[in-house]
């Protein structure tokens, strides 16, 4: 897929105020500081489309971008660690679940995982909740350029071994690097093949 246009549409804390559910939607989510904004910018080929911050928890609302006038890329708030109050974090969780469970045009959730970090319970639980609710999702390992090829293979295998304890079928998996552009073609091809309501 060639991205010819990527336009910021809106930011909302209220799911009901999101754009009309009339186009295929692909959402990106992960623990705070997983490299979500960098990945979105890399996929779209536009630096600064999604705001990057060294401060975890920067994305605190649901951001919609219209891609090629055909589908929405959605930047969701991170889950897990963020320097915000428990009350605000609970608000994030409610917002995220309301969006994921309520958007009829949501095709797939891309769950981002830092490939340098061993399997985390919070990621496994989040993906488990998606599966239990019948929400299609893919795993996206980020920051693959930060470790060697052997370590990449081991990290993916470690996750898959952990997931097989509970799962009969594993999700589609992508290995990416925002700095190197790794995985861009594969992710965009997946979106192209599935961007039908």
C-alpha atoms as a PDB file:
ATOM      1  CA  UNK A   1       0.000   0.000   0.000  1.00  0.00           C
ATOM      2  CA  UNK A   2       1.207   3.470  -0.871  1.00  0.00           C
ATOM      3  CA  UNK A   3       0.097   6.187   1.529  1.00  0.00           C
ATOM      4  CA  UNK A   4      -0.716   9.280  -0.490  1.00  0.00           C
ATOM      5  CA  UNK A   5      -2.457  11.222   2.276  1.00  0.00           C
ATOM      6  CA  UNK A   6      -2.602  11.132   6.062  1.00  0.00           C
ATOM      7  CA  UNK A   7      -4.762  13.795   7.676  1.00  0.00           C
ATOM      8  CA  UNK A   8      -5.380  14.455  11.362  1.00  0.00           C
ATOM      9  CA  UNK A   9      -9.150  14.451  11.918  1.00  0.00           C
ATOM     10  CA  UNK A  10      -9.913  14.735  15.634  1.00  0.00           C
ATOM     11  CA  UNK A  11      -9.030  14.006  19.252  1.00  0.00           C
ATOM     12  CA  UNK A  12     -11.705  12.863  21.669  1.00  0.00           C
ATOM     13  CA  UNK A  13     -11.979  11.703  25.259  1.00  0.00           C
ATOM     14  CA  UNK A  14     -15.618  10.781  24.617  1.00  0.00           C
ATOM     15  CA  UNK A  15     -16.050   7.781  22.295  1.00  0.00           C
ATOM     16  CA  UNK A  16     -19.447   9.101  21.221  1.00  0.00           C
ATOM     17  CA  UNK A  17     -17.742  12.137  19.686  1.00  0.00           C
ATOM     18  CA  UNK A  18     -15.395  10.093  17.474  1.00  0.00           C
ATOM     19  CA  UNK A  19     -15.868  10.405  13.685  1.00  0.00           C
ATOM     20  CA  UNK A  20     -18.806   8.548  12.115  1.00  0.00           C
ATOM     21  CA  UNK A  21     -18.149   4.796  11.952  1.00  0.00           C
ATOM     22  CA  UNK A  22     -18.357   4.762   8.166  1.00  0.00           C
ATOM     23  CA  UNK A  23     -14.791   3.768   7.272  1.00  0.00           C
ATOM     24  CA  UNK A  24     -12.548   0.824   8.260  1.00  0.00           C
ATOM     25  CA  UNK A  25     -10.607   1.577  11.421  1.00  0.00           C
ATOM     26  CA  UNK A  26      -7.284   0.215  12.661  1.00  0.00           C
ATOM     27  CA  UNK A  27      -6.242   1.083  16.206  1.00  0.00           C
ATOM     28  CA  UNK A  28      -2.756   1.152  17.737  1.00  0.00           C
ATOM     29  CA  UNK A  29      -2.203   0.629  21.446  1.00  0.00           C
ATOM     30  CA  UNK A  30       0.507  -0.519  23.842  1.00  0.00           C
ATOM     31  CA  UNK A  31       2.076   0.138  27.195  1.00  0.00           C
ATOM     32  CA  UNK A  32       3.339   3.649  27.769  1.00  0.00           C
ATOM     33  CA  UNK A  33       6.577   4.480  25.942  1.00  0.00           C
ATOM     34  CA  UNK A  34       6.422   1.452  23.626  1.00  0.00           C
ATOM     35  CA  UNK A  35       7.150   3.604  20.572  1.00  0.00           C
ATOM     36  CA  UNK A  36       3.592   3.975  19.309  1.00  0.00           C
ATOM     37  CA  UNK A  37       3.832   7.500  17.930  1.00  0.00           C
ATOM     38  CA  UNK A  38       7.137   6.727  16.217  1.00  0.00           C
ATOM     39  CA  UNK A  39       5.608   3.642  14.589  1.00  0.00           C
ATOM     40  CA  UNK A  40       2.560   5.585  13.370  1.00  0.00           C
ATOM     41  CA  UNK A  41       4.798   8.277  11.867  1.00  0.00           C
ATOM     42  CA  UNK A  42       6.952   5.609  10.191  1.00  0.00           C
ATOM     43  CA  UNK A  43       3.950   3.800   8.715  1.00  0.00           C
ATOM     44  CA  UNK A  44       2.505   7.030   7.323  1.00  0.00           C
ATOM     45  CA  UNK A  45       5.871   8.380   6.206  1.00  0.00           C
ATOM     46  CA  UNK A  46       5.240  11.690   7.947  1.00  0.00           C
ATOM     47  CA  UNK A  47       7.429  12.869  10.814  1.00  0.00           C
ATOM     48  CA  UNK A  48       5.385  14.636  13.438  1.00  0.00           C
ATOM     49  CA  UNK A  49       1.974  13.278  12.393  1.00  0.00           C
ATOM     50  CA  UNK A  50       1.666  11.645  15.810  1.00  0.00           C
ATOM     51  CA  UNK A  51       3.374  13.557  18.596  1.00  0.00           C
ATOM     52  CA  UNK A  52       6.382  11.837  20.152  1.00  0.00           C
ATOM     53  CA  UNK A  53       7.286  12.352  23.781  1.00  0.00           C
ATOM     54  CA  UNK A  54       9.941  10.968  26.109  1.00  0.00           C
ATOM     55  CA  UNK A  55       7.325  11.247  28.851  1.00  0.00           C
ATOM     56  CA  UNK A  56       5.275   8.049  29.192  1.00  0.00           C
ATOM     57  CA  UNK A  57       1.526   8.474  28.928  1.00  0.00           C
ATOM     58  CA  UNK A  58       1.628  11.423  26.520  1.00  0.00           C
ATOM     59  CA  UNK A  59      -1.331  10.170  24.462  1.00  0.00           C
ATOM     60  CA  UNK A  60      -4.339  10.712  26.704  1.00  0.00           C
ATOM     61  CA  UNK A  61      -7.143  10.885  24.149  1.00  0.00           C
ATOM     62  CA  UNK A  62      -8.347   8.987  21.085  1.00  0.00           C
ATOM     63  CA  UNK A  63      -6.694  10.440  17.976  1.00  0.00           C
ATOM     64  CA  UNK A  64      -8.113   9.759  14.503  1.00  0.00           C
ATOM     65  CA  UNK A  65      -6.139  10.121  11.279  1.00  0.00           C
ATOM     66  CA  UNK A  66      -7.752   9.617   7.865  1.00  0.00           C
ATOM     67  CA  UNK A  67      -5.452   7.659   5.553  1.00  0.00           C
ATOM     68  CA  UNK A  68      -5.846   7.803   1.762  1.00  0.00           C
ATOM     69  CA  UNK A  69      -9.376   9.146   2.353  1.00  0.00           C
ATOM     70  CA  UNK A  70     -10.343   5.502   2.858  1.00  0.00           C
ATOM     71  CA  UNK A  71      -9.522   4.255   6.381  1.00  0.00           C
ATOM     72  CA  UNK A  72      -8.856   5.559   9.871  1.00  0.00           C
ATOM     73  CA  UNK A  73      -5.669   5.013  11.815  1.00  0.00           C
ATOM     74  CA  UNK A  74      -6.456   5.450  15.510  1.00  0.00           C
ATOM     75  CA  UNK A  75      -3.883   6.321  18.158  1.00  0.00           C
ATOM     76  CA  UNK A  76      -5.170   5.118  21.543  1.00  0.00           C
ATOM     77  CA  UNK A  77      -3.880   6.053  25.018  1.00  0.00           C
ATOM     78  CA  UNK A  78      -1.233   3.701  26.358  1.00  0.00           C
ATOM     79  CA  UNK A  79      -2.047   1.338  29.192  1.00  0.00           C
ATOM     80  CA  UNK A  80       0.052   0.486  32.206  1.00  0.00           C
ATOM     81  CA  UNK A  81       2.622   2.858  33.663  1.00  0.00           C
ATOM     82  CA  UNK A  82       2.062   6.563  33.172  1.00  0.00           C
ATOM     83  CA  UNK A  83       2.667   9.479  35.512  1.00  0.00           C
ATOM     84  CA  UNK A  84      -0.997  10.195  36.059  1.00  0.00           C
ATOM     85  CA  UNK A  85      -3.343   9.738  38.992  1.00  0.00           C
ATOM     86  CA  UNK A  86      -5.213   6.467  39.603  1.00  0.00           C
ATOM     87  CA  UNK A  87      -8.450   8.305  38.915  1.00  0.00           C
ATOM     88  CA  UNK A  88      -7.223   9.555  35.552  1.00  0.00           C
ATOM     89  CA  UNK A  89      -5.799   6.142  34.683  1.00  0.00           C
ATOM     90  CA  UNK A  90      -9.178   4.560  35.443  1.00  0.00           C
ATOM     91  CA  UNK A  91     -10.674   7.106  33.070  1.00  0.00           C
ATOM     92  CA  UNK A  92      -8.239   6.022  30.363  1.00  0.00           C
ATOM     93  CA  UNK A  93      -9.178   2.373  30.886  1.00  0.00           C
ATOM     94  CA  UNK A  94     -12.882   3.184  30.604  1.00  0.00           C
ATOM     95  CA  UNK A  95     -12.253   5.251  27.465  1.00  0.00           C
ATOM     96  CA  UNK A  96     -10.171   2.504  25.831  1.00  0.00           C
ATOM     97  CA  UNK A  97     -12.654  -0.280  26.616  1.00  0.00           C
ATOM     98  CA  UNK A  98     -15.556   1.894  25.494  1.00  0.00           C
ATOM     99  CA  UNK A  99     -13.827   2.546  22.200  1.00  0.00           C
ATOM    100  CA  UNK A 100     -12.664  -1.036  21.538  1.00  0.00           C
ATOM    101  CA  UNK A 101     -15.975  -2.657  22.479  1.00  0.00           C
ATOM    102  CA  UNK A 102     -18.174   0.014  20.936  1.00  0.00           C
ATOM    103  CA  UNK A 103     -16.708   0.850  17.523  1.00  0.00           C
ATOM    104  CA  UNK A 104     -18.593  -1.173  14.914  1.00  0.00           C
ATOM    105  CA  UNK A 105     -16.070  -0.242  12.191  1.00  0.00           C
ATOM    106  CA  UNK A 106     -13.000  -1.401  14.141  1.00  0.00           C
ATOM    107  CA  UNK A 107     -11.246  -3.964  11.957  1.00  0.00           C
ATOM    108  CA  UNK A 108      -8.171  -4.722  14.046  1.00  0.00           C
ATOM    109  CA  UNK A 109      -6.227  -3.595  17.107  1.00  0.00           C
ATOM    110  CA  UNK A 110      -2.452  -3.548  16.755  1.00  0.00           C
ATOM    111  CA  UNK A 111      -1.009  -4.290  20.205  1.00  0.00           C
ATOM    112  CA  UNK A 112       2.534  -2.923  20.427  1.00  0.00           C
ATOM    113  CA  UNK A 113       5.139  -4.684  22.562  1.00  0.00           C
ATOM    114  CA  UNK A 114       8.736  -3.560  23.181  1.00  0.00           C
ATOM    115  CA  UNK A 115      10.797  -6.487  21.886  1.00  0.00           C
ATOM    116  CA  UNK A 116      13.583  -5.782  24.417  1.00  0.00           C
ATOM    117  CA  UNK A 117      11.346  -6.521  27.403  1.00  0.00           C
ATOM    118  CA  UNK A 118      10.381 -10.086  28.484  1.00  0.00           C
ATOM    119  CA  UNK A 119       6.690 -11.059  28.331  1.00  0.00           C
ATOM    120  CA  UNK A 120       4.706  -8.833  30.683  1.00  0.00           C
ATOM    121  CA  UNK A 121       1.528  -9.900  32.448  1.00  0.00           C
ATOM    122  CA  UNK A 122      -0.207  -6.618  31.606  1.00  0.00           C
ATOM    123  CA  UNK A 123       0.287  -7.193  27.850  1.00  0.00           C
ATOM    124  CA  UNK A 124      -0.826 -10.817  28.056  1.00  0.00           C
ATOM    125  CA  UNK A 125      -3.927  -9.859  30.045  1.00  0.00           C
ATOM    126  CA  UNK A 126      -4.802  -7.069  27.626  1.00  0.00           C
ATOM    127  CA  UNK A 127      -4.545  -9.392  24.624  1.00  0.00           C
ATOM    128  CA  UNK A 128      -6.475 -12.049  26.515  1.00  0.00           C
ATOM    129  CA  UNK A 129      -9.299  -9.570  27.107  1.00  0.00           C
ATOM    130  CA  UNK A 130      -9.362  -8.703  23.409  1.00  0.00           C
ATOM    131  CA  UNK A 131      -9.629 -12.390  22.514  1.00  0.00           C
ATOM    132  CA  UNK A 132     -12.366 -13.041  25.091  1.00  0.00           C
ATOM    133  CA  UNK A 133     -14.409 -10.201  23.610  1.00  0.00           C
ATOM    134  CA  UNK A 134     -13.878 -11.366  20.037  1.00  0.00           C
ATOM    135  CA  UNK A 135     -11.837  -8.318  19.043  1.00  0.00           C
ATOM    136  CA  UNK A 136      -9.394  -9.099  16.188  1.00  0.00           C
ATOM    137  CA  UNK A 137      -5.834  -8.050  16.987  1.00  0.00           C
ATOM    138  CA  UNK A 138      -2.222  -8.405  15.887  1.00  0.00           C
ATOM    139  CA  UNK A 139       0.990  -8.213  17.877  1.00  0.00           C
ATOM    140  CA  UNK A 140       3.554  -5.645  16.793  1.00  0.00           C
ATOM    141  CA  UNK A 141       7.022  -5.959  18.275  1.00  0.00           C
ATOM    142  CA  UNK A 142       8.714  -2.545  18.293  1.00  0.00           C
ATOM    143  CA  UNK A 143      12.344  -1.353  18.522  1.00  0.00           C
ATOM    144  CA  UNK A 144      13.778  -4.428  16.765  1.00  0.00           C
ATOM    145  CA  UNK A 145      16.823  -2.398  15.724  1.00  0.00           C
ATOM    146  CA  UNK A 146      17.881  -2.113  19.374  1.00  0.00           C
ATOM    147  CA  UNK A 147      18.846  -5.800  19.645  1.00  0.00           C
ATOM    148  CA  UNK A 148      20.501  -8.397  17.385  1.00  0.00           C
ATOM    149  CA  UNK A 149      18.688 -10.820  15.069  1.00  0.00           C
ATOM    150  CA  UNK A 150      19.226 -13.774  17.408  1.00  0.00           C
ATOM    151  CA  UNK A 151      17.769 -11.807  20.316  1.00  0.00           C
ATOM    152  CA  UNK A 152      14.777 -10.820  18.151  1.00  0.00           C
ATOM    153  CA  UNK A 153      14.046 -14.463  17.345  1.00  0.00           C
ATOM    154  CA  UNK A 154      14.377 -15.427  21.015  1.00  0.00           C
ATOM    155  CA  UNK A 155      12.122 -12.594  22.186  1.00  0.00           C
ATOM    156  CA  UNK A 156       9.329 -13.589  19.798  1.00  0.00           C
ATOM    157  CA  UNK A 157       9.711 -17.263  20.749  1.00  0.00           C
ATOM    158  CA  UNK A 158       9.546 -16.373  24.460  1.00  0.00           C
ATOM    159  CA  UNK A 159       6.264 -14.526  23.934  1.00  0.00           C
ATOM    160  CA  UNK A 160       4.773 -17.279  21.815  1.00  0.00           C
ATOM    161  CA  UNK A 161       5.750 -19.945  24.357  1.00  0.00           C
ATOM    162  CA  UNK A 162       4.062 -17.920  27.112  1.00  0.00           C
ATOM    163  CA  UNK A 163       0.927 -17.395  25.029  1.00  0.00           C
ATOM    164  CA  UNK A 164       0.632 -21.067  24.069  1.00  0.00           C
ATOM    165  CA  UNK A 165       0.008 -21.858  27.743  1.00  0.00           C
ATOM    166  CA  UNK A 166      -3.460 -20.318  27.319  1.00  0.00           C
ATOM    167  CA  UNK A 167      -4.028 -20.051  23.572  1.00  0.00           C
ATOM    168  CA  UNK A 168      -4.622 -22.643  20.877  1.00  0.00           C
ATOM    169  CA  UNK A 169      -4.049 -20.097  18.111  1.00  0.00           C
ATOM    170  CA  UNK A 170      -1.498 -17.271  18.115  1.00  0.00           C
ATOM    171  CA  UNK A 171      -2.180 -13.824  16.645  1.00  0.00           C
ATOM    172  CA  UNK A 172      -0.552 -12.478  13.491  1.00  0.00           C
ATOM    173  CA  UNK A 173       2.802 -10.982  14.472  1.00  0.00           C
ATOM    174  CA  UNK A 174       4.901  -8.172  13.011  1.00  0.00           C
ATOM    175  CA  UNK A 175       8.473  -7.197  13.848  1.00  0.00           C
ATOM    176  CA  UNK A 176       9.143  -3.489  13.393  1.00  0.00           C
ATOM    177  CA  UNK A 177      11.693  -0.739  13.783  1.00  0.00           C
ATOM    178  CA  UNK A 178      10.591   2.861  13.401  1.00  0.00           C
ATOM    179  CA  UNK A 179      14.183   3.971  12.839  1.00  0.00           C
ATOM    180  CA  UNK A 180      14.930   1.416  10.116  1.00  0.00           C
ATOM    181  CA  UNK A 181      11.456   1.171   8.587  1.00  0.00           C
ATOM    182  CA  UNK A 182      11.367  -2.557   9.329  1.00  0.00           C
ATOM    183  CA  UNK A 183       7.913  -4.114   9.057  1.00  0.00           C
ATOM    184  CA  UNK A 184       6.296  -1.127   7.331  1.00  0.00           C
ATOM    185  CA  UNK A 185       5.404  -2.963   4.119  1.00  0.00           C
ATOM    186  CA  UNK A 186       4.072  -5.986   6.012  1.00  0.00           C
ATOM    187  CA  UNK A 187       1.810  -3.943   8.313  1.00  0.00           C
ATOM    188  CA  UNK A 188       0.465  -1.804   5.466  1.00  0.00           C
ATOM    189  CA  UNK A 189      -0.149  -4.879   3.319  1.00  0.00           C
ATOM    190  CA  UNK A 190      -2.172  -6.419   6.151  1.00  0.00           C
ATOM    191  CA  UNK A 191      -4.221  -3.243   6.491  1.00  0.00           C
ATOM    192  CA  UNK A 192      -4.779  -3.049   2.739  1.00  0.00           C
ATOM    193  CA  UNK A 193      -5.990  -6.643   2.604  1.00  0.00           C
ATOM    194  CA  UNK A 194      -8.384  -6.112   5.496  1.00  0.00           C
ATOM    195  CA  UNK A 195      -9.645  -2.559   4.976  1.00  0.00           C
ATOM    196  CA  UNK A 196     -13.201  -3.524   4.049  1.00  0.00           C
ATOM    197  CA  UNK A 197     -16.234  -2.959   6.251  1.00  0.00           C
END
